[in-house]
Protein backbone atom coordinates (compact mmCIF):
# COMPACT_ATOMS: atom_id res chain seq x y z
CA MET A 1 17.19 44.75 -83.03
CA GLY A 2 13.78 43.48 -83.88
CA GLU A 3 12.36 41.09 -86.41
CA HIS A 4 14.39 39.98 -89.43
CA THR A 5 14.17 37.70 -92.46
CA ILE A 6 17.10 35.35 -93.08
CA ILE A 7 17.82 34.13 -96.61
CA VAL A 8 20.23 31.21 -97.09
CA ARG A 9 21.44 30.20 -100.53
CA ASP A 10 23.93 27.67 -101.83
CA VAL A 11 26.85 29.66 -103.31
CA LYS A 12 28.28 26.61 -105.09
CA GLY A 13 24.91 25.64 -106.50
CA ASN A 14 25.55 21.92 -106.49
CA THR A 15 23.83 20.70 -103.34
CA GLY A 16 20.29 21.18 -104.61
CA CYS A 17 19.08 23.05 -101.53
CA GLY A 18 18.17 26.16 -103.53
CA LYS A 19 17.19 29.14 -101.40
CA ILE A 20 15.81 28.91 -97.86
CA VAL A 21 13.86 31.85 -96.38
CA ILE A 22 13.24 32.10 -92.64
CA ASP A 23 10.82 34.86 -91.60
CA GLY A 24 10.19 36.32 -88.16
CA VAL A 25 13.62 35.82 -86.57
CA GLN A 26 13.91 37.94 -83.41
CA THR A 27 17.27 39.34 -82.33
CA ILE A 28 18.09 40.49 -78.81
CA ASP A 29 20.91 42.41 -77.19
CA TYR A 30 22.19 42.43 -73.63
CA PRO A 31 25.22 43.56 -71.65
CA HIS A 32 27.71 40.75 -71.09
CA TYR A 33 28.06 41.64 -67.42
CA PHE A 34 26.89 44.02 -64.71
CA THR A 35 28.39 45.14 -61.43
CA PRO A 36 25.63 46.18 -59.01
CA ASN A 37 27.96 47.79 -56.47
CA GLY A 38 26.31 51.25 -56.41
CA ASP A 39 29.06 53.18 -58.20
CA GLY A 40 26.74 54.14 -61.08
CA ILE A 41 28.72 52.18 -63.69
CA HIS A 42 27.07 49.03 -65.08
CA ASP A 43 24.76 48.83 -62.04
CA THR A 44 21.76 47.62 -64.05
CA TRP A 45 21.20 44.93 -66.67
CA ASN A 46 18.45 44.71 -69.26
CA VAL A 47 17.69 42.56 -72.30
CA VAL A 48 16.64 44.62 -75.33
CA GLY A 49 14.38 42.98 -77.89
CA LEU A 50 12.07 40.95 -75.64
CA GLU A 51 9.20 43.44 -75.79
CA ASN A 52 7.06 40.96 -77.76
CA GLN A 53 7.99 38.00 -75.55
CA PRO A 54 6.00 38.54 -72.32
CA PHE A 55 6.80 35.07 -70.95
CA ALA A 56 10.55 35.14 -71.63
CA GLN A 57 12.61 34.18 -68.61
CA ARG A 58 16.09 35.33 -67.63
CA TYR A 59 18.37 33.52 -65.22
CA ILE A 60 21.38 35.21 -63.62
CA PHE A 61 24.38 33.31 -62.31
CA ASP A 62 27.43 34.68 -60.51
CA GLN A 63 31.00 34.21 -61.72
CA HIS A 64 31.13 30.84 -59.93
CA GLY A 65 28.01 29.53 -61.69
CA LYS A 66 25.77 29.91 -58.65
CA PHE A 67 22.14 30.72 -59.48
């Protein structure tokens, strides 16, 4: 989690793209599902890694695609 630098290089060396460096890439993690039925297992859901993104928005849809 957190901020990373990505380095891309051409392994064949014949395309002329050289090396590309991308700084400041943020990674996040989140549970793939939650079941808020009160049994204490997977009742909550949180996105980790958005601490520096105060305006990030999350949308939750049910299994039928309903918002």
